Amino acid sequence: MTTNILIVGAGAVGAFYASRLALVPSTLVSVICRSNYNAVHKNGFSINSPKYGSYTFTPHLTFANPRQAIESKIKWDYIVVSTKALPDVSDDSEILGGLVGERTSIVLVQNGLGVEEPYLKRFPSAIILSAVTIVSAAQTSPGVIKHNRWTRISVGPYLPGSISSEGNNEKEREAIESNKRFVQLLKDGEIKDAEEYSHSKLQMVRWHKIAINASMNPSAVLSNGSTNNAMAMDSELYLHLKGVMDEVLTTAPKVLGTPLPKELATSEAILKSTQRNTSGSKPSMLLDWEGGKRMELEVILGNPIRIAREKGLEMPRLQTLYALLRKAQENRDQAKSQSRL
């Protein structure tokens, strides 16, 4: 039986995981591209990885837009969304209109908190899988992907309100089974660090990654272009980063009502690992800022602050970063608008 997978947002992360899933027998992986469509349609993706070597991934079908994917009339088993989550700009769940069928599972490989809600609201009967990945990859030119080192991905069914790891009803059990199958597909594609999680534990993993992203990303922008390694090696920035991480890691258990799993790294361990990483990689938010693009401020900073406030909790360090960067982005957008007049 053939498994049909559609990748929405075939940039560096989407293309990398698509290339691994495509190795699995009886699995057809198609992509919806944006600016890289012409290059990918002509040559496929060129992947260079220290772990997997250099190879070419040719999608089963390459679409220029969602309409073409709808016209293909393919019944998708999994739709993997790997676009940047920018709810202050657009609702990306709209893209999937006409693509989600009765047996389609939506897999959200996106940063931040609260990314699942727009999809749950638009597709209330669909299975939604939430994924957190740590993967160092970049699209150096259209269709050319450089994978550096990380390949960890954690996936869990999105079942708000559920506390059972086995499912309280048939729909929840179907979501758990779909999640199991998708993680196995990743493992069959040689992603050895693909991990299957319950809903509650996956949300803990999301908060844990927020501790990393909400400290490193904004600080790289505000320090005028510092790499993660450079910040972790600076004595004052080290204290700042640790303070933000600890604020998030102490707030998360209070919000979720359960302690952090012991296997999740402490702030000290995260920073020590960052000090050893001399690849020179820059956080995605910094790359967006330098490229004049909108940053993922809401899902990485705004949503965690709002979710905590609903529980009567404040995160002053995070709020400071959010307020400064939101205003910086607003001022830059206004300057752009005025320059066009």
C-alpha atoms as a PDB file:
ATOM      1  CA  MET A   1       0.000   0.000   0.000  1.00  0.00           C
ATOM      2  CA  THR A   2       1.426   3.361  -1.081  1.00  0.00           C
ATOM      3  CA  THR A   3       1.790   6.214   1.396  1.00  0.00           C
ATOM      4  CA  ASN A   4       1.363   9.667  -0.165  1.00  0.00           C
ATOM      5  CA  ILE A   5       3.072  12.532   1.641  1.00  0.00           C
ATOM      6  CA  LEU A   6       2.848  16.231   0.728  1.00  0.00           C
ATOM      7  CA  ILE A   7       5.410  18.712   2.031  1.00  0.00           C
ATOM      8  CA  VAL A   8       4.082  22.275   2.343  1.00  0.00           C
ATOM      9  CA  GLY A   9       6.955  24.735   2.605  1.00  0.00           C
ATOM     10  CA  ALA A  10       9.818  22.851   0.980  1.00  0.00           C
ATOM     11  CA  GLY A  11      12.628  25.017   2.291  1.00  0.00           C
ATOM     12  CA  ALA A  12      15.687  23.646   4.066  1.00  0.00           C
ATOM     13  CA  VAL A  13      13.910  21.718   6.836  1.00  0.00           C
ATOM     14  CA  GLY A  14      10.992  20.499   4.731  1.00  0.00           C
ATOM     15  CA  ALA A  15      13.228  19.391   1.871  1.00  0.00           C
ATOM     16  CA  PHE A  16      15.660  17.607   4.180  1.00  0.00           C
ATOM     17  CA  TYR A  17      12.972  15.521   5.889  1.00  0.00           C
ATOM     18  CA  ALA A  18      11.218  14.938   2.554  1.00  0.00           C
ATOM     19  CA  SER A  19      14.441  13.511   1.147  1.00  0.00           C
ATOM     20  CA  ARG A  20      14.656  10.996   3.999  1.00  0.00           C
ATOM     21  CA  LEU A  21      10.980   9.989   3.858  1.00  0.00           C
ATOM     22  CA  ALA A  22      11.295   9.408   0.099  1.00  0.00           C
ATOM     23  CA  LEU A  23      13.761   6.575   0.773  1.00  0.00           C
ATOM     24  CA  VAL A  24      11.051   4.464   2.416  1.00  0.00           C
ATOM     25  CA  PRO A  25       9.612   1.788   0.093  1.00  0.00           C
ATOM     26  CA  SER A  26       6.077   2.472  -1.209  1.00  0.00           C
ATOM     27  CA  THR A  27       6.283   6.099  -0.070  1.00  0.00           C
ATOM     28  CA  LEU A  28       5.712   8.897  -2.584  1.00  0.00           C
ATOM     29  CA  VAL A  29       6.759  12.367  -1.423  1.00  0.00           C
ATOM     30  CA  SER A  30       5.570  15.458  -3.286  1.00  0.00           C
ATOM     31  CA  VAL A  31       6.309  19.102  -2.484  1.00  0.00           C
ATOM     32  CA  ILE A  32       4.739  22.529  -2.763  1.00  0.00           C
ATOM     33  CA  CYS A  33       7.532  25.020  -3.456  1.00  0.00           C
ATOM     34  CA  ARG A  34       7.606  28.780  -3.414  1.00  0.00           C
ATOM     35  CA  SER A  35      10.581  30.804  -4.622  1.00  0.00           C
ATOM     36  CA  ASN A  36      12.614  27.660  -5.327  1.00  0.00           C
ATOM     37  CA  TYR A  37       9.997  26.079  -7.625  1.00  0.00           C
ATOM     38  CA  ASN A  38      11.823  26.533 -10.947  1.00  0.00           C
ATOM     39  CA  ALA A  39      15.083  25.070  -9.644  1.00  0.00           C
ATOM     40  CA  VAL A  40      13.405  22.110  -7.918  1.00  0.00           C
ATOM     41  CA  HIS A  41      11.064  21.371 -10.829  1.00  0.00           C
ATOM     42  CA  LYS A  42      14.071  21.224 -13.163  1.00  0.00           C
ATOM     43  CA  ASN A  43      16.742  19.546 -11.014  1.00  0.00           C
ATOM     44  CA  GLY A  44      15.169  18.312  -7.779  1.00  0.00           C
ATOM     45  CA  PHE A  45      16.923  19.016  -4.476  1.00  0.00           C
ATOM     46  CA  SER A  46      20.672  18.682  -4.033  1.00  0.00           C
ATOM     47  CA  ILE A  47      21.403  17.613  -0.442  1.00  0.00           C
ATOM     48  CA  ASN A  48      24.835  17.787   1.170  1.00  0.00           C
ATOM     49  CA  SER A  49      25.165  16.244   4.625  1.00  0.00           C
ATOM     50  CA  PRO A  50      28.095  15.135   6.793  1.00  0.00           C
ATOM     51  CA  LYS A  51      25.894  12.301   8.059  1.00  0.00           C
ATOM     52  CA  TYR A  52      24.084  11.142   4.930  1.00  0.00           C
ATOM     53  CA  GLY A  53      26.508  12.248   2.204  1.00  0.00           C
ATOM     54  CA  SER A  54      25.713  14.126  -1.004  1.00  0.00           C
ATOM     55  CA  TYR A  55      22.669  13.044  -3.003  1.00  0.00           C
ATOM     56  CA  THR A  56      19.801  14.279  -5.157  1.00  0.00           C
ATOM     57  CA  PHE A  57      16.174  14.059  -4.072  1.00  0.00           C
ATOM     58  CA  THR A  58      13.633  14.246  -6.881  1.00  0.00           C
ATOM     59  CA  PRO A  59      10.086  14.690  -5.538  1.00  0.00           C
ATOM     60  CA  HIS A  60       7.324  12.477  -6.917  1.00  0.00           C
ATOM     61  CA  LEU A  61       5.511  15.678  -7.960  1.00  0.00           C
ATOM     62  CA  THR A  62       6.596  19.308  -7.603  1.00  0.00           C
ATOM     63  CA  PHE A  63       3.821  21.881  -7.308  1.00  0.00           C
ATOM     64  CA  ALA A  64       4.146  25.649  -7.686  1.00  0.00           C
ATOM     65  CA  ASN A  65       1.118  26.324  -5.476  1.00  0.00           C
ATOM     66  CA  PRO A  66      -1.629  24.555  -3.471  1.00  0.00           C
ATOM     67  CA  ARG A  67      -4.070  24.759  -6.388  1.00  0.00           C
ATOM     68  CA  GLN A  68      -1.882  22.435  -8.461  1.00  0.00           C
ATOM     69  CA  ALA A  69      -1.755  19.971  -5.572  1.00  0.00           C
ATOM     70  CA  ILE A  70      -5.561  20.045  -5.312  1.00  0.00           C
ATOM     71  CA  GLU A  71      -5.904  19.465  -9.065  1.00  0.00           C
ATOM     72  CA  SER A  72      -3.714  16.360  -8.793  1.00  0.00           C
ATOM     73  CA  LYS A  73      -6.630  14.735  -6.880  1.00  0.00           C
ATOM     74  CA  ILE A  74      -4.192  12.723  -4.781  1.00  0.00           C
ATOM     75  CA  LYS A  75      -5.506  11.561  -1.425  1.00  0.00           C
ATOM     76  CA  TRP A  76      -2.772  12.529   0.999  1.00  0.00           C
ATOM     77  CA  ASP A  77      -1.963  10.331   3.967  1.00  0.00           C
ATOM     78  CA  TYR A  78       0.248  12.978   5.567  1.00  0.00           C
ATOM     79  CA  ILE A  79       0.578  16.693   4.876  1.00  0.00           C
ATOM     80  CA  VAL A  80       3.756  18.005   6.482  1.00  0.00           C
ATOM     81  CA  VAL A  81       3.727  21.764   7.110  1.00  0.00           C
ATOM     82  CA  SER A  82       7.216  23.214   7.550  1.00  0.00           C
ATOM     83  CA  THR A  83       6.542  26.882   6.805  1.00  0.00           C
ATOM     84  CA  LYS A  84       7.482  29.612   9.274  1.00  0.00           C
ATOM     85  CA  ALA A  85       4.608  30.275  11.662  1.00  0.00           C
ATOM     86  CA  LEU A  86       3.665  33.947  11.274  1.00  0.00           C
ATOM     87  CA  PRO A  87       0.111  34.342  12.638  1.00  0.00           C
ATOM     88  CA  ASP A  88       0.528  38.134  12.660  1.00  0.00           C
ATOM     89  CA  VAL A  89       0.972  37.981   8.861  1.00  0.00           C
ATOM     90  CA  SER A  90      -1.241  35.127   7.653  1.00  0.00           C
ATOM     91  CA  ASP A  91      -3.135  32.011   8.678  1.00  0.00           C
ATOM     92  CA  ASP A  92      -1.248  29.220   6.930  1.00  0.00           C
ATOM     93  CA  SER A  93      -3.992  26.711   7.696  1.00  0.00           C
ATOM     94  CA  GLU A  94      -5.823  28.317   4.740  1.00  0.00           C
ATOM     95  CA  ILE A  95      -3.227  26.783   2.424  1.00  0.00           C
ATOM     96  CA  LEU A  96      -4.537  23.309   3.208  1.00  0.00           C
ATOM     97  CA  GLY A  97      -8.110  24.049   2.135  1.00  0.00           C
ATOM     98  CA  GLY A  98      -9.125  21.357  -0.380  1.00  0.00           C
ATOM     99  CA  LEU A  99      -6.108  19.176   0.436  1.00  0.00           C
ATOM    100  CA  VAL A 100      -7.149  17.587   3.726  1.00  0.00           C
ATOM    101  CA  GLY A 101      -9.155  14.407   3.232  1.00  0.00           C
ATOM    102  CA  GLU A 102     -10.890  11.986   5.592  1.00  0.00           C
ATOM    103  CA  ARG A 103      -7.711   9.996   6.243  1.00  0.00           C
ATOM    104  CA  THR A 104      -5.205  12.857   6.119  1.00  0.00           C
ATOM    105  CA  SER A 105      -2.978  13.562   9.103  1.00  0.00           C
ATOM    106  CA  ILE A 106      -1.555  17.089   9.332  1.00  0.00           C
ATOM    107  CA  VAL A 107       2.032  17.165  10.668  1.00  0.00           C
ATOM    108  CA  LEU A 108       3.202  20.566  11.942  1.00  0.00           C
ATOM    109  CA  VAL A 109       6.996  20.879  11.922  1.00  0.00           C
ATOM    110  CA  GLN A 110       7.049  24.466  13.148  1.00  0.00           C
ATOM    111  CA  ASN A 111       8.663  26.478  15.913  1.00  0.00           C
ATOM    112  CA  GLY A 112       6.808  27.992  18.828  1.00  0.00           C
ATOM    113  CA  LEU A 113       3.736  27.500  20.982  1.00  0.00           C
ATOM    114  CA  GLY A 114       0.110  27.516  19.876  1.00  0.00           C
ATOM    115  CA  VAL A 115       0.876  26.665  16.239  1.00  0.00           C
ATOM    116  CA  GLU A 116      -1.672  23.824  16.250  1.00  0.00           C
ATOM    117  CA  GLU A 117      -4.761  25.863  17.128  1.00  0.00           C
ATOM    118  CA  PRO A 118      -5.459  27.435  13.686  1.00  0.00           C
ATOM    119  CA  TYR A 119      -5.385  23.966  12.098  1.00  0.00           C
ATOM    120  CA  LEU A 120      -7.589  22.441  14.794  1.00  0.00           C
ATOM    121  CA  LYS A 121     -10.108  25.249  14.315  1.00  0.00           C
ATOM    122  CA  ARG A 122     -10.173  24.917  10.513  1.00  0.00           C
ATOM    123  CA  PHE A 123     -10.047  21.097  10.404  1.00  0.00           C
ATOM    124  CA  PRO A 124     -11.722  19.943  13.640  1.00  0.00           C
ATOM    125  CA  SER A 125     -12.112  16.328  12.485  1.00  0.00           C
ATOM    126  CA  ALA A 126      -8.578  15.931  11.112  1.00  0.00           C
ATOM    127  CA  ILE A 127      -5.713  14.231  12.940  1.00  0.00           C
ATOM    128  CA  ILE A 128      -3.068  16.776  13.900  1.00  0.00           C
ATOM    129  CA  LEU A 129       0.456  15.716  14.789  1.00  0.00           C
ATOM    130  CA  SER A 130       2.763  18.239  16.425  1.00  0.00           C
ATOM    131  CA  ALA A 131       6.504  17.998  15.775  1.00  0.00           C
ATOM    132  CA  VAL A 132       9.529  19.684  17.319  1.00  0.00           C
ATOM    133  CA  THR A 133      12.802  19.416  15.457  1.00  0.00           C
ATOM    134  CA  ILE A 134      16.361  20.448  16.083  1.00  0.00           C
ATOM    135  CA  VAL A 135      17.965  20.305  12.663  1.00  0.00           C
ATOM    136  CA  SER A 136      20.793  22.497  11.411  1.00  0.00           C
ATOM    137  CA  ALA A 137      20.049  22.963   7.718  1.00  0.00           C
ATOM    138  CA  ALA A 138      20.085  25.855   5.257  1.00  0.00           C
ATOM    139  CA  GLN A 139      19.047  26.401   1.646  1.00  0.00           C
ATOM    140  CA  THR A 140      22.215  28.032   0.292  1.00  0.00           C
ATOM    141  CA  SER A 141      20.656  28.601  -3.138  1.00  0.00           C
ATOM    142  CA  PRO A 142      17.317  27.518  -4.669  1.00  0.00           C
ATOM    143  CA  GLY A 143      17.056  23.745  -4.339  1.00  0.00           C
ATOM    144  CA  VAL A 144      20.480  23.332  -2.700  1.00  0.00           C
ATOM    145  CA  ILE A 145      20.308  22.156   0.926  1.00  0.00           C
ATOM    146  CA  LYS A 146      23.256  22.056   3.314  1.00  0.00           C
ATOM    147  CA  HIS A 147      22.634  19.852   6.340  1.00  0.00           C
ATOM    148  CA  ASN A 148      25.112  20.474   9.147  1.00  0.00           C
ATOM    149  CA  ARG A 149      24.615  18.184  12.123  1.00  0.00           C
ATOM    150  CA  TRP A 150      21.323  17.942  14.036  1.00  0.00           C
ATOM    151  CA  THR A 151      18.557  15.541  12.990  1.00  0.00           C
ATOM    152  CA  ARG A 152      16.441  15.155  16.125  1.00  0.00           C
ATOM    153  CA  ILE A 153      12.670  15.267  15.722  1.00  0.00           C
ATOM    154  CA  SER A 154       9.993  14.576  18.339  1.00  0.00           C
ATOM    155  CA  VAL A 155       6.402  13.965  17.231  1.00  0.00           C
ATOM    156  CA  GLY A 156       3.180  13.641  19.206  1.00  0.00           C
ATOM    157  CA  PRO A 157      -0.578  13.754  18.542  1.00  0.00           C
ATOM    158  CA  TYR A 158      -2.225  17.077  19.364  1.00  0.00           C
ATOM    159  CA  LEU A 159      -5.032  16.116  21.760  1.00  0.00           C
ATOM    160  CA  PRO A 160      -5.750  19.138  23.991  1.00  0.00           C
ATOM    161  CA  GLY A 161      -7.462  18.137  27.207  1.00  0.00           C
ATOM    162  CA  SER A 162      -6.403  14.507  26.951  1.00  0.00           C
ATOM    163  CA  ILE A 163      -4.294  13.059  29.758  1.00  0.00           C
ATOM    164  CA  SER A 164      -4.234   9.460  28.526  1.00  0.00           C
ATOM    165  CA  SER A 165      -1.244   8.156  26.566  1.00  0.00           C
ATOM    166  CA  GLU A 166      -3.432   5.380  25.112  1.00  0.00           C
ATOM    167  CA  GLY A 167      -6.410   7.496  23.981  1.00  0.00           C
ATOM    168  CA  ASN A 168      -9.817   8.048  25.561  1.00  0.00           C
ATOM    169  CA  ASN A 169     -11.850   7.395  22.399  1.00  0.00           C
ATOM    170  CA  GLU A 170     -11.525   6.066  18.848  1.00  0.00           C
ATOM    171  CA  LYS A 171     -10.396   9.396  17.362  1.00  0.00           C
ATOM    172  CA  GLU A 172      -7.620   9.774  19.922  1.00  0.00           C
ATOM    173  CA  ARG A 173      -6.492   6.204  19.364  1.00  0.00           C
ATOM    174  CA  GLU A 174      -6.402   6.810  15.597  1.00  0.00           C
ATOM    175  CA  ALA A 175      -4.247   9.901  16.166  1.00  0.00           C
ATOM    176  CA  ILE A 176      -1.839   7.948  18.377  1.00  0.00           C
ATOM    177  CA  GLU A 177      -1.591   5.185  15.761  1.00  0.00           C
ATOM    178  CA  SER A 178      -1.029   7.703  12.940  1.00  0.00           C
ATOM    179  CA  ASN A 179       1.699   9.305  15.024  1.00  0.00           C
ATOM    180  CA  LYS A 180       3.350   5.915  15.531  1.00  0.00           C
ATOM    181  CA  ARG A 181       3.312   5.235  11.772  1.00  0.00           C
ATOM    182  CA  PHE A 182       4.819   8.614  10.909  1.00  0.00           C
ATOM    183  CA  VAL A 183       7.660   8.237  13.412  1.00  0.00           C
ATOM    184  CA  GLN A 184       8.369   4.781  11.965  1.00  0.00           C
ATOM    185  CA  LEU A 185       8.518   6.293   8.460  1.00  0.00           C
ATOM    186  CA  LEU A 186      11.150   8.748   9.703  1.00  0.00           C
ATOM    187  CA  LYS A 187      13.145   5.936  11.286  1.00  0.00           C
ATOM    188  CA  ASP A 188      12.904   3.893   8.099  1.00  0.00           C
ATOM    189  CA  GLY A 189      14.347   6.955   6.342  1.00  0.00           C
ATOM    190  CA  GLU A 190      17.373   6.665   8.662  1.00  0.00           C
ATOM    191  CA  ILE A 191      16.354   9.464  11.044  1.00  0.00           C
ATOM    192  CA  LYS A 192      17.471   7.517  14.095  1.00  0.00           C
ATOM    193  CA  ASP A 193      16.601  10.328  16.529  1.00  0.00           C
ATOM    194  CA  ALA A 194      12.911  10.358  15.567  1.00  0.00           C
ATOM    195  CA  GLU A 195      10.957   9.993  18.802  1.00  0.00           C
ATOM    196  CA  GLU A 196       7.309   9.197  19.515  1.00  0.00           C
ATOM    197  CA  TYR A 197       5.675  11.221  22.304  1.00  0.00           C
ATOM    198  CA  SER A 198       2.298  11.573  23.981  1.00  0.00           C
ATOM    199  CA  HIS A 199       0.397  14.855  23.685  1.00  0.00           C
ATOM    200  CA  SER A 200       1.403  16.120  27.127  1.00  0.00           C
ATOM    201  CA  LYS A 201       5.071  15.197  26.786  1.00  0.00           C
ATOM    202  CA  LEU A 202       5.333  16.726  23.309  1.00  0.00           C
ATOM    203  CA  GLN A 203       3.995  20.024  24.665  1.00  0.00           C
ATOM    204  CA  MET A 204       6.732  19.856  27.309  1.00  0.00           C
ATOM    205  CA  VAL A 205       9.265  19.415  24.507  1.00  0.00           C
ATOM    206  CA  ARG A 206       7.783  22.485  22.770  1.00  0.00           C
ATOM    207  CA  TRP A 207       8.273  24.560  25.934  1.00  0.00           C
ATOM    208  CA  HIS A 208      11.811  23.219  26.265  1.00  0.00           C
ATOM    209  CA  LYS A 209      12.647  24.335  22.731  1.00  0.00           C
ATOM    210  CA  ILE A 210      11.081  27.724  23.516  1.00  0.00           C
ATOM    211  CA  ALA A 211      13.715  28.046  26.249  1.00  0.00           C
ATOM    212  CA  ILE A 212      16.357  27.750  23.527  1.00  0.00           C
ATOM    213  CA  ASN A 213      14.674  29.762  20.772  1.00  0.00           C
ATOM    214  CA  ALA A 214      13.312  32.548  22.996  1.00  0.00           C
ATOM    215  CA  SER A 215      16.744  33.150  24.507  1.00  0.00           C
ATOM    216  CA  MET A 216      19.070  32.690  21.526  1.00  0.00           C
ATOM    217  CA  ASN A 217      16.995  34.112  18.663  1.00  0.00           C
ATOM    218  CA  PRO A 218      16.064  37.556  20.029  1.00  0.00           C
ATOM    219  CA  SER A 219      19.462  38.016  21.671  1.00  0.00           C
ATOM    220  CA  ALA A 220      21.264  37.375  18.388  1.00  0.00           C
ATOM    221  CA  VAL A 221      19.260  40.175  16.761  1.00  0.00           C
ATOM    222  CA  LEU A 222      19.633  42.608  19.673  1.00  0.00           C
ATOM    223  CA  SER A 223      23.392  41.962  19.923  1.00  0.00           C
ATOM    224  CA  ASN A 224      23.749  42.956  16.269  1.00  0.00           C
ATOM    225  CA  GLY A 225      24.389  39.601  14.650  1.00  0.00           C
ATOM    226  CA  SER A 226      26.037  37.349  17.218  1.00  0.00           C
ATOM    227  CA  THR A 227      26.183  33.601  16.638  1.00  0.00           C
ATOM    228  CA  ASN A 228      24.882  31.229  19.311  1.00  0.00           C
ATOM    229  CA  ASN A 229      28.429  30.184  20.147  1.00  0.00           C
ATOM    230  CA  ALA A 230      29.662  33.759  20.497  1.00  0.00           C
ATOM    231  CA  MET A 231      26.829  34.602  22.886  1.00  0.00           C
ATOM    232  CA  ALA A 232      27.371  31.475  24.994  1.00  0.00           C
ATOM    233  CA  MET A 233      31.077  32.292  25.280  1.00  0.00           C
ATOM    234  CA  ASP A 234      30.453  35.892  26.425  1.00  0.00           C
ATOM    235  CA  SER A 235      30.253  36.079  30.230  1.00  0.00           C
ATOM    236  CA  GLU A 236      27.437  38.645  30.438  1.00  0.00           C
ATOM    237  CA  LEU A 237      25.406  37.168  27.597  1.00  0.00           C
ATOM    238  CA  TYR A 238      25.821  33.729  29.140  1.00  0.00           C
ATOM    239  CA  LEU A 239      24.104  34.969  32.297  1.00  0.00           C
ATOM    240  CA  HIS A 240      21.392  36.635  30.228  1.00  0.00           C
ATOM    241  CA  LEU A 241      20.716  33.510  28.151  1.00  0.00           C
ATOM    242  CA  LYS A 242      20.655  31.303  31.226  1.00  0.00           C
ATOM    243  CA  GLY A 243      18.235  33.696  32.945  1.00  0.00           C
ATOM    244  CA  VAL A 244      15.786  33.572  30.020  1.00  0.00           C
ATOM    245  CA  MET A 245      16.045  29.782  29.743  1.00  0.00           C
ATOM    246  CA  ASP A 246      15.475  29.265  33.456  1.00  0.00           C
ATOM    247  CA  GLU A 247      12.469  31.607  33.379  1.00  0.00           C
ATOM    248  CA  VAL A 248      10.856  29.490  30.658  1.00  0.00           C
ATOM    249  CA  LEU A 249      11.829  26.151  32.221  1.00  0.00           C
ATOM    250  CA  THR A 250      10.380  27.113  35.620  1.00  0.00           C
ATOM    251  CA  THR A 251       7.181  28.518  34.084  1.00  0.00           C
ATOM    252  CA  ALA A 252       6.401  25.550  31.821  1.00  0.00           C
ATOM    253  CA  PRO A 253       5.595  23.032  34.612  1.00  0.00           C
ATOM    254  CA  LYS A 254       3.267  25.559  36.250  1.00  0.00           C
ATOM    255  CA  VAL A 255       1.413  26.100  32.971  1.00  0.00           C
ATOM    256  CA  LEU A 256       1.193  22.424  32.025  1.00  0.00           C
ATOM    257  CA  GLY A 257       0.676  21.067  35.535  1.00  0.00           C
ATOM    258  CA  THR A 258       3.393  18.454  35.250  1.00  0.00           C
ATOM    259  CA  PRO A 259       7.149  18.506  35.942  1.00  0.00           C
ATOM    260  CA  LEU A 260       9.687  18.653  33.141  1.00  0.00           C
ATOM    261  CA  PRO A 261      10.955  15.194  32.138  1.00  0.00           C
ATOM    262  CA  LYS A 262      14.394  14.559  33.629  1.00  0.00           C
ATOM    263  CA  GLU A 263      15.877  13.691  30.243  1.00  0.00           C
ATOM    264  CA  LEU A 264      15.385  17.259  28.957  1.00  0.00           C
ATOM    265  CA  ALA A 265      18.613  19.245  29.173  1.00  0.00           C
ATOM    266  CA  THR A 266      19.111  21.943  31.805  1.00  0.00           C
ATOM    267  CA  SER A 267      20.069  25.497  30.841  1.00  0.00           C
ATOM    268  CA  GLU A 268      23.663  24.757  31.866  1.00  0.00           C
ATOM    269  CA  ALA A 269      23.807  21.687  29.618  1.00  0.00           C
ATOM    270  CA  ILE A 270      22.281  23.597  26.680  1.00  0.00           C
ATOM    271  CA  LEU A 271      24.829  26.404  26.993  1.00  0.00           C
ATOM    272  CA  LYS A 272      27.728  23.993  27.415  1.00  0.00           C
ATOM    273  CA  SER A 273      26.688  22.235  24.198  1.00  0.00           C
ATOM    274  CA  THR A 274      26.390  25.624  22.462  1.00  0.00           C
ATOM    275  CA  GLN A 275      29.916  26.521  23.532  1.00  0.00           C
ATOM    276  CA  ARG A 276      31.190  23.358  21.837  1.00  0.00           C
ATOM    277  CA  ASN A 277      29.344  24.124  18.582  1.00  0.00           C
ATOM    278  CA  THR A 278      31.784  26.156  16.494  1.00  0.00           C
ATOM    279  CA  SER A 279      29.928  25.796  13.174  1.00  0.00           C
ATOM    280  CA  GLY A 280      29.189  29.536  13.152  1.00  0.00           C
ATOM    281  CA  SER A 281      25.478  28.950  12.620  1.00  0.00           C
ATOM    282  CA  LYS A 282      23.095  31.853  13.181  1.00  0.00           C
ATOM    283  CA  PRO A 283      19.602  31.585  14.707  1.00  0.00           C
ATOM    284  CA  SER A 284      16.726  31.674  12.215  1.00  0.00           C
ATOM    285  CA  MET A 285      15.319  34.890  13.660  1.00  0.00           C
ATOM    286  CA  LEU A 286      18.631  36.646  13.018  1.00  0.00           C
ATOM    287  CA  LEU A 287      18.706  35.370   9.430  1.00  0.00           C
ATOM    288  CA  ASP A 288      15.160  36.701   8.940  1.00  0.00           C
ATOM    289  CA  TRP A 289      16.087  40.083  10.423  1.00  0.00           C
ATOM    290  CA  GLU A 290      19.201  40.379   8.262  1.00  0.00           C
ATOM    291  CA  GLY A 291      17.168  39.367   5.208  1.00  0.00           C
ATOM    292  CA  GLY A 292      14.485  41.980   5.895  1.00  0.00           C
ATOM    293  CA  LYS A 293      11.858  39.309   6.584  1.00  0.00           C
ATOM    294  CA  ARG A 294       9.234  39.077   9.300  1.00  0.00           C
ATOM    295  CA  MET A 295      10.390  37.241  12.416  1.00  0.00           C
ATOM    296  CA  GLU A 296       8.527  34.496  14.306  1.00  0.00           C
ATOM    297  CA  LEU A 297       7.922  36.811  17.260  1.00  0.00           C
ATOM    298  CA  GLU A 298       4.404  35.721  18.121  1.00  0.00           C
ATOM    299  CA  VAL A 299       4.845  31.940  18.320  1.00  0.00           C
ATOM    300  CA  ILE A 300       8.280  32.116  19.996  1.00  0.00           C
ATOM    301  CA  LEU A 301       7.717  35.076  22.353  1.00  0.00           C
ATOM    302  CA  GLY A 302       4.165  36.428  22.263  1.00  0.00           C
ATOM    303  CA  ASN A 303       2.223  33.168  22.625  1.00  0.00           C
ATOM    304  CA  PRO A 304       4.274  31.834  25.574  1.00  0.00           C
ATOM    305  CA  ILE A 305       3.768  35.152  27.377  1.00  0.00           C
ATOM    306  CA  ARG A 306       0.005  35.108  26.731  1.00  0.00           C
ATOM    307  CA  ILE A 307      -0.372  31.425  27.667  1.00  0.00           C
ATOM    308  CA  ALA A 308       1.465  32.060  30.949  1.00  0.00           C
ATOM    309  CA  ARG A 309      -0.637  35.156  31.707  1.00  0.00           C
ATOM    310  CA  GLU A 310      -3.816  33.088  31.350  1.00  0.00           C
ATOM    311  CA  LYS A 311      -2.479  31.099  34.304  1.00  0.00           C
ATOM    312  CA  GLY A 312      -1.651  34.270  36.260  1.00  0.00           C
ATOM    313  CA  LEU A 313       2.081  34.002  35.541  1.00  0.00           C
ATOM    314  CA  GLU A 314       4.474  36.630  34.212  1.00  0.00           C
ATOM    315  CA  MET A 315       7.776  36.147  32.377  1.00  0.00           C
ATOM    316  CA  PRO A 316       9.482  39.569  32.600  1.00  0.00           C
ATOM    317  CA  ARG A 317      12.673  38.567  30.791  1.00  0.00           C
ATOM    318  CA  LEU A 318      10.736  37.159  27.837  1.00  0.00           C
ATOM    319  CA  GLN A 319       8.370  40.120  27.854  1.00  0.00           C
ATOM    320  CA  THR A 320      11.309  42.539  27.607  1.00  0.00           C
ATOM    321  CA  LEU A 321      12.718  40.754  24.562  1.00  0.00           C
ATOM    322  CA  TYR A 322       9.265  40.621  22.966  1.00  0.00           C
ATOM    323  CA  ALA A 323       8.527  44.302  23.528  1.00  0.00           C
ATOM    324  CA  LEU A 324      11.896  45.441  22.122  1.00  0.00           C
ATOM    325  CA  LEU A 325      11.839  43.243  19.030  1.00  0.00           C
ATOM    326  CA  ARG A 326       8.189  43.846  18.238  1.00  0.00           C
ATOM    327  CA  LYS A 327       8.844  47.595  18.269  1.00  0.00           C
ATOM    328  CA  ALA A 328      12.039  47.202  16.225  1.00  0.00           C
ATOM    329  CA  GLN A 329      10.130  45.237  13.592  1.00  0.00           C
ATOM    330  CA  GLU A 330       7.297  47.775  13.617  1.00  0.00           C
ATOM    331  CA  ASN A 331       9.735  50.671  13.151  1.00  0.00           C
ATOM    332  CA  ARG A 332      11.503  48.896  10.293  1.00  0.00           C
ATOM    333  CA  ASP A 333       8.181  48.133   8.557  1.00  0.00           C
ATOM    334  CA  GLN A 334       7.153  51.793   8.864  1.00  0.00           C
ATOM    335  CA  ALA A 335      10.501  52.909   7.435  1.00  0.00           C
ATOM    336  CA  LYS A 336      10.022  50.587   4.462  1.00  0.00           C
ATOM    337  CA  SER A 337       6.513  51.922   3.840  1.00  0.00           C
ATOM    338  CA  GLN A 338       7.706  55.534   3.942  1.00  0.00           C
ATOM    339  CA  SER A 339      10.591  54.809   1.589  1.00  0.00           C
ATOM    340  CA  ARG A 340       8.112  53.586  -1.045  1.00  0.00           C
ATOM    341  CA  LEU A 341       6.155  56.846  -0.973  1.00  0.00           C
END
